[in-house]
C-alpha atoms as a PDB file:
ATOM      1  CA  MET A   1     -22.229 -10.906  12.322  1.00  0.00           C
ATOM      2  CA  SER A   2     -22.853 -13.071  15.208  1.00  0.00           C
ATOM      3  CA  ALA A   3     -20.716 -12.565  18.462  1.00  0.00           C
ATOM      4  CA  GLU A   4     -19.277 -16.062  18.623  1.00  0.00           C
ATOM      5  CA  GLY A   5     -16.739 -17.053  15.800  1.00  0.00           C
ATOM      6  CA  PRO A   6     -17.503 -19.141  12.844  1.00  0.00           C
ATOM      7  CA  ALA A   7     -17.442 -22.985  13.094  1.00  0.00           C
ATOM      8  CA  PHE A   8     -14.362 -23.183  10.780  1.00  0.00           C
ATOM      9  CA  HIS A   9     -11.090 -24.302  12.228  1.00  0.00           C
ATOM     10  CA  ARG A  10      -7.909 -25.823  10.770  1.00  0.00           C
ATOM     11  CA  TRP A  11      -5.413 -26.316  13.591  1.00  0.00           C
ATOM     12  CA  ILE A  12      -1.782 -26.566  12.773  1.00  0.00           C
ATOM     13  CA  ASP A  13       1.029 -26.865  15.346  1.00  0.00           C
ATOM     14  CA  PRO A  14       4.151 -25.137  14.014  1.00  0.00           C
ATOM     15  CA  ALA A  15       6.063 -26.222  17.268  1.00  0.00           C
ATOM     16  CA  GLY A  16       5.676 -30.025  17.137  1.00  0.00           C
ATOM     17  CA  ARG A  17       8.317 -32.488  16.010  1.00  0.00           C
ATOM     18  CA  GLY A  18       8.136 -32.768  12.140  1.00  0.00           C
ATOM     19  CA  ALA A  19       6.203 -29.375  12.338  1.00  0.00           C
ATOM     20  CA  PRO A  20       4.231 -28.510   9.325  1.00  0.00           C
ATOM     21  CA  GLN A  21       6.239 -26.015   7.467  1.00  0.00           C
ATOM     22  CA  GLY A  22       5.524 -24.971   3.873  1.00  0.00           C
ATOM     23  CA  VAL A  23       2.249 -24.128   2.011  1.00  0.00           C
ATOM     24  CA  HIS A  24      -0.940 -25.474   3.382  1.00  0.00           C
ATOM     25  CA  GLU A  25      -4.115 -25.627   1.265  1.00  0.00           C
ATOM     26  CA  VAL A  26      -7.266 -24.986   3.125  1.00  0.00           C
ATOM     27  CA  HIS A  27     -10.535 -26.156   1.480  1.00  0.00           C
ATOM     28  CA  SER A  28     -14.013 -25.570   3.071  1.00  0.00           C
ATOM     29  CA  THR A  29     -16.848 -28.120   3.183  1.00  0.00           C
ATOM     30  CA  GLU A  30     -20.449 -27.222   2.204  1.00  0.00           C
ATOM     31  CA  ALA A  31     -21.456 -27.207   5.964  1.00  0.00           C
ATOM     32  CA  GLU A  32     -18.535 -24.908   6.845  1.00  0.00           C
ATOM     33  CA  ARG A  33     -19.413 -22.551   4.123  1.00  0.00           C
ATOM     34  CA  ALA A  34     -23.029 -22.401   5.243  1.00  0.00           C
ATOM     35  CA  ALA A  35     -21.845 -21.697   8.966  1.00  0.00           C
ATOM     36  CA  ILE A  36     -19.622 -18.969   7.636  1.00  0.00           C
ATOM     37  CA  ALA A  37     -22.475 -17.355   5.615  1.00  0.00           C
ATOM     38  CA  ARG A  38     -24.579 -17.335   8.766  1.00  0.00           C
ATOM     39  CA  TRP A  39     -21.822 -15.680  10.799  1.00  0.00           C
ATOM     40  CA  LEU A  40     -21.201 -13.023   7.930  1.00  0.00           C
ATOM     41  CA  ASP A  41     -24.865 -12.683   7.588  1.00  0.00           C
ATOM     42  CA  VAL A  42     -24.773 -13.107   3.799  1.00  0.00           C
ATOM     43  CA  PRO A  43     -27.056 -15.322   1.500  1.00  0.00           C
ATOM     44  CA  ALA A  44     -24.145 -17.767   0.637  1.00  0.00           C
ATOM     45  CA  VAL A  45     -20.464 -18.486   0.426  1.00  0.00           C
ATOM     46  CA  ARG A  46     -20.114 -20.380  -2.780  1.00  0.00           C
ATOM     47  CA  SER A  47     -16.460 -21.142  -2.450  1.00  0.00           C
ATOM     48  CA  LEU A  48     -13.706 -20.704   0.154  1.00  0.00           C
ATOM     49  CA  GLU A  49     -10.085 -21.812  -0.089  1.00  0.00           C
ATOM     50  CA  ALA A  50      -6.649 -20.556   0.837  1.00  0.00           C
ATOM     51  CA  ALA A  51      -3.002 -21.288   0.273  1.00  0.00           C
ATOM     52  CA  LEU A  52      -1.020 -20.216   3.280  1.00  0.00           C
ATOM     53  CA  ALA A  53       2.791 -20.599   3.760  1.00  0.00           C
ATOM     54  CA  ILE A  54       3.569 -21.192   7.473  1.00  0.00           C
ATOM     55  CA  ARG A  55       7.069 -20.635   8.714  1.00  0.00           C
ATOM     56  CA  ARG A  56       8.539 -20.344  12.229  1.00  0.00           C
ATOM     57  CA  THR A  57      10.060 -16.911  12.933  1.00  0.00           C
ATOM     58  CA  GLY A  58      11.248 -17.721  16.515  1.00  0.00           C
ATOM     59  CA  ALA A  59      10.974 -20.140  19.312  1.00  0.00           C
ATOM     60  CA  SER A  60       7.507 -18.946  20.148  1.00  0.00           C
ATOM     61  CA  GLU A  61       6.329 -17.209  17.039  1.00  0.00           C
ATOM     62  CA  ALA A  62       5.177 -18.257  13.486  1.00  0.00           C
ATOM     63  CA  GLU A  63       4.060 -16.477  10.435  1.00  0.00           C
ATOM     64  CA  ALA A  64       1.318 -17.208   7.923  1.00  0.00           C
ATOM     65  CA  GLU A  65       1.307 -15.606   4.486  1.00  0.00           C
ATOM     66  CA  GLY A  66      -0.571 -16.379   1.372  1.00  0.00           C
ATOM     67  CA  ALA A  67      -3.848 -15.688  -0.433  1.00  0.00           C
ATOM     68  CA  ILE A  68      -7.573 -16.404   0.250  1.00  0.00           C
ATOM     69  CA  ARG A  69     -10.028 -17.006  -2.643  1.00  0.00           C
ATOM     70  CA  ALA A  70     -13.663 -16.698  -2.075  1.00  0.00           C
ATOM     71  CA  GLU A  71     -17.065 -16.355  -4.137  1.00  0.00           C
ATOM     72  CA  ILE A  72     -19.680 -14.896  -1.824  1.00  0.00           C
ATOM     73  CA  GLU A  73     -23.293 -14.135  -2.640  1.00  0.00           C
ATOM     74  CA  LEU A  74     -24.253 -10.679  -1.546  1.00  0.00           C
ATOM     75  CA  ILE A  75     -27.268  -8.451  -1.567  1.00  0.00           C
ATOM     76  CA  CYS A  76     -26.959  -5.313  -3.651  1.00  0.00           C
ATOM     77  CA  GLY A  77     -27.556  -2.157  -1.520  1.00  0.00           C
ATOM     78  CA  VAL A  78     -29.136  -0.416  -4.396  1.00  0.00           C
ATOM     79  CA  SER A  79     -31.477  -2.881  -6.226  1.00  0.00           C
ATOM     80  CA  LEU A  80     -31.603  -5.557  -3.392  1.00  0.00           C
ATOM     81  CA  ASP A  81     -30.801  -8.226  -6.047  1.00  0.00           C
ATOM     82  CA  PRO A  82     -28.466 -10.992  -5.072  1.00  0.00           C
ATOM     83  CA  PHE A  83     -25.197 -11.188  -6.845  1.00  0.00           C
ATOM     84  CA  VAL A  84     -21.918 -13.262  -6.562  1.00  0.00           C
ATOM     85  CA  GLN A  85     -18.702 -11.363  -5.876  1.00  0.00           C
ATOM     86  CA  SER A  86     -15.213 -12.858  -6.228  1.00  0.00           C
ATOM     87  CA  PHE A  87     -12.545 -11.969  -3.657  1.00  0.00           C
ATOM     88  CA  GLU A  88      -8.697 -12.461  -3.766  1.00  0.00           C
ATOM     89  CA  ILE A  89      -7.537 -11.474  -0.310  1.00  0.00           C
ATOM     90  CA  PRO A  90      -3.766 -11.285   0.598  1.00  0.00           C
ATOM     91  CA  VAL A  91      -3.074 -12.522   4.074  1.00  0.00           C
ATOM     92  CA  ARG A  92      -0.120 -12.101   6.435  1.00  0.00           C
ATOM     93  CA  ALA A  93      -0.398 -12.725  10.121  1.00  0.00           C
ATOM     94  CA  THR A  94       1.958 -13.517  13.036  1.00  0.00           C
ATOM     95  CA  PHE A  95       1.038 -15.926  15.824  1.00  0.00           C
ATOM     96  CA  ARG A  96       2.690 -15.774  19.216  1.00  0.00           C
ATOM     97  CA  ARG A  97       2.605 -18.187  22.114  1.00  0.00           C
ATOM     98  CA  PRO A  98       1.888 -16.383  25.330  1.00  0.00           C
ATOM     99  CA  PRO A  99       5.133 -15.948  27.343  1.00  0.00           C
ATOM    100  CA  ALA A 100       5.916 -17.501  30.598  1.00  0.00           C
ATOM    101  CA  GLN A 101       7.589 -14.496  32.206  1.00  0.00           C
ATOM    102  CA  SER A 102       8.119 -13.552  35.668  1.00  0.00           C
ATOM    103  CA  LEU A 103       7.117 -10.130  36.976  1.00  0.00           C
ATOM    104  CA  SER A 104      10.614  -8.726  36.843  1.00  0.00           C
ATOM    105  CA  GLU A 105      10.963  -9.680  33.130  1.00  0.00           C
ATOM    106  CA  ILE A 106       7.648  -7.995  32.398  1.00  0.00           C
ATOM    107  CA  ASP A 107       8.614  -4.754  34.136  1.00  0.00           C
ATOM    108  CA  SER A 108      11.994  -4.630  32.262  1.00  0.00           C
ATOM    109  CA  ALA A 109      10.452  -5.522  28.975  1.00  0.00           C
ATOM    110  CA  SER A 110       7.868  -2.880  29.442  1.00  0.00           C
ATOM    111  CA  ALA A 111      10.525  -0.100  30.326  1.00  0.00           C
ATOM    112  CA  GLU A 112      12.515  -0.806  27.188  1.00  0.00           C
ATOM    113  CA  GLY A 113      11.745  -0.484  23.555  1.00  0.00           C
ATOM    114  CA  GLU A 114       9.224   1.541  21.579  1.00  0.00           C
ATOM    115  CA  LEU A 115       5.594   0.751  20.929  1.00  0.00           C
ATOM    116  CA  ASP A 116       4.756   0.405  17.086  1.00  0.00           C
ATOM    117  CA  LEU A 117       1.130   1.475  16.775  1.00  0.00           C
ATOM    118  CA  GLU A 118       1.180   0.636  13.068  1.00  0.00           C
ATOM    119  CA  ALA A 119       2.052  -3.040  13.559  1.00  0.00           C
ATOM    120  CA  ASP A 120      -0.593  -5.750  13.875  1.00  0.00           C
ATOM    121  CA  GLU A 121      -1.075  -7.481  17.096  1.00  0.00           C
ATOM    122  CA  PRO A 122      -0.020 -11.059  16.959  1.00  0.00           C
ATOM    123  CA  ARG A 123      -2.781 -13.585  17.215  1.00  0.00           C
ATOM    124  CA  ASP A 124      -2.832 -16.355  19.632  1.00  0.00           C
ATOM    125  CA  TRP A 125      -0.758 -19.563  19.394  1.00  0.00           C
ATOM    126  CA  THR A 126      -2.746 -21.716  21.757  1.00  0.00           C
ATOM    127  CA  GLN A 127      -2.064 -25.331  23.147  1.00  0.00           C
ATOM    128  CA  HIS A 128      -3.669 -26.641  20.016  1.00  0.00           C
ATOM    129  CA  GLY A 129      -1.490 -24.557  17.814  1.00  0.00           C
ATOM    130  CA  ILE A 130      -2.557 -21.832  15.371  1.00  0.00           C
ATOM    131  CA  ASP A 131      -5.996 -21.772  13.889  1.00  0.00           C
ATOM    132  CA  LEU A 132      -5.773 -21.116  10.070  1.00  0.00           C
ATOM    133  CA  GLY A 133      -9.523 -21.460   9.794  1.00  0.00           C
ATOM    134  CA  ALA A 134     -10.323 -18.559  12.202  1.00  0.00           C
ATOM    135  CA  LEU A 135      -7.755 -16.425  10.306  1.00  0.00           C
ATOM    136  CA  ILE A 136      -9.409 -17.082   6.981  1.00  0.00           C
ATOM    137  CA  ALA A 137     -12.935 -16.233   8.367  1.00  0.00           C
ATOM    138  CA  GLU A 138     -11.767 -13.150   9.903  1.00  0.00           C
ATOM    139  CA  GLU A 139      -9.920 -11.902   6.875  1.00  0.00           C
ATOM    140  CA  VAL A 140     -12.994 -12.646   4.510  1.00  0.00           C
ATOM    141  CA  SER A 141     -15.107 -10.767   6.992  1.00  0.00           C
ATOM    142  CA  LEU A 142     -12.890  -7.760   6.804  1.00  0.00           C
ATOM    143  CA  ALA A 143     -12.716  -7.860   2.932  1.00  0.00           C
ATOM    144  CA  LEU A 144     -16.635  -7.617   2.571  1.00  0.00           C
ATOM    145  CA  PRO A 145     -17.924  -4.352   1.374  1.00  0.00           C
ATOM    146  CA  ASP A 146     -19.966  -2.051   3.752  1.00  0.00           C
ATOM    147  CA  PHE A 147     -22.438  -1.298   0.867  1.00  0.00           C
ATOM    148  CA  PRO A 148     -22.522  -4.100  -1.691  1.00  0.00           C
ATOM    149  CA  ARG A 149     -23.183  -2.893  -5.152  1.00  0.00           C
ATOM    150  CA  LYS A 150     -24.117  -5.191  -8.086  1.00  0.00           C
ATOM    151  CA  PRO A 151     -22.140  -4.115 -11.202  1.00  0.00           C
ATOM    152  CA  GLY A 152     -24.334  -1.745 -13.204  1.00  0.00           C
ATOM    153  CA  ALA A 153     -26.805  -0.999 -10.416  1.00  0.00           C
ATOM    154  CA  GLU A 154     -27.810   2.609 -10.253  1.00  0.00           C
ATOM    155  CA  LEU A 155     -30.458   4.416  -8.290  1.00  0.00           C
ATOM    156  CA  PRO A 156     -33.509   5.409 -10.517  1.00  0.00           C
ATOM    157  CA  SER A 157     -33.264   8.950 -11.517  1.00  0.00           C
ATOM    158  CA  ASP A 158     -36.744   9.867 -10.175  1.00  0.00           C
ATOM    159  CA  ALA A 159     -35.750   8.407  -6.802  1.00  0.00           C
ATOM    160  CA  ALA A 160     -33.066  11.019  -6.099  1.00  0.00           C
ATOM    161  CA  PRO A 161     -34.475  13.605  -3.590  1.00  0.00           C
ATOM    162  CA  ALA A 162     -34.426  17.395  -4.860  1.00  0.00           C
ATOM    163  CA  VAL A 163     -31.648  19.316  -3.464  1.00  0.00           C
ATOM    164  CA  GLU A 164     -32.440  22.755  -2.051  1.00  0.00           C
ATOM    165  CA  ASP A 165     -30.004  25.538  -1.933  1.00  0.00           C
ATOM    166  CA  ALA A 166     -30.701  26.561   1.686  1.00  0.00           C
ATOM    167  CA  PRO A 167     -31.485  24.153   4.483  1.00  0.00           C
ATOM    168  CA  PRO A 168     -35.121  24.396   5.705  1.00  0.00           C
ATOM    169  CA  ASN A 169     -35.651  26.678   8.664  1.00  0.00           C
ATOM    170  CA  PRO A 170     -37.139  24.600  11.517  1.00  0.00           C
ATOM    171  CA  PHE A 171     -38.832  27.893  12.961  1.00  0.00           C
ATOM    172  CA  ALA A 172     -40.677  28.582   9.622  1.00  0.00           C
ATOM    173  CA  ALA A 173     -43.537  26.512  10.834  1.00  0.00           C
ATOM    174  CA  LEU A 174     -43.829  28.655  14.003  1.00  0.00           C
ATOM    175  CA  LYS A 175     -43.876  31.916  12.084  1.00  0.00           C
ATOM    176  CA  GLY A 176     -47.480  31.684  11.267  1.00  0.00           C
ATOM    177  CA  LEU A 177     -48.410  30.831  14.879  1.00  0.00           C
ATOM    178  CA  VAL A 178     -47.212  34.027  16.307  1.00  0.00           C
ATOM    179  CA  GLU A 179     -49.667  36.916  16.666  1.00  0.00           C
ATOM    180  CA  LYS A 180     -48.745  40.157  15.578  1.00  0.00           C
ATOM    181  CA  PRO A 181     -49.882  43.095  17.680  1.00  0.00           C
END
């Protein structure tokens, strides 16, 4: 995966007048899917779409929840054959605007409350709004298997290494070099 993010953006501003609330259907173009495939380092992204419900949960916070559907061509780690795998990825993310706080507010906020280590860190809500495209691309990257395996692919039985009972002794080769008096 390349260091820079994918060229896939869908900006929505949940704070604007007549702000878009409700379900947003996101569809990718062929060029966007090719850019995401390069970013993910996979042969191809055949399809990528999402249905995400956006709702405001506070003055400076919004939530996106829904599902991503994707068909991605992967390379089998066993047979090295390409194959297509379908994904249905549930998504739930919180977006938060950076607060405009004074130093005294920051000190009092850090002294109060507990830190929840299990909670996901809110994503950035920038001056452009929230980027559903980046959210979708990141969630797809997290759903990809570490070791893709084509259904039915198995290692050949003659390729399996023989298992010895005892590990080899690294000093066994030196034994013959020692002269006995």
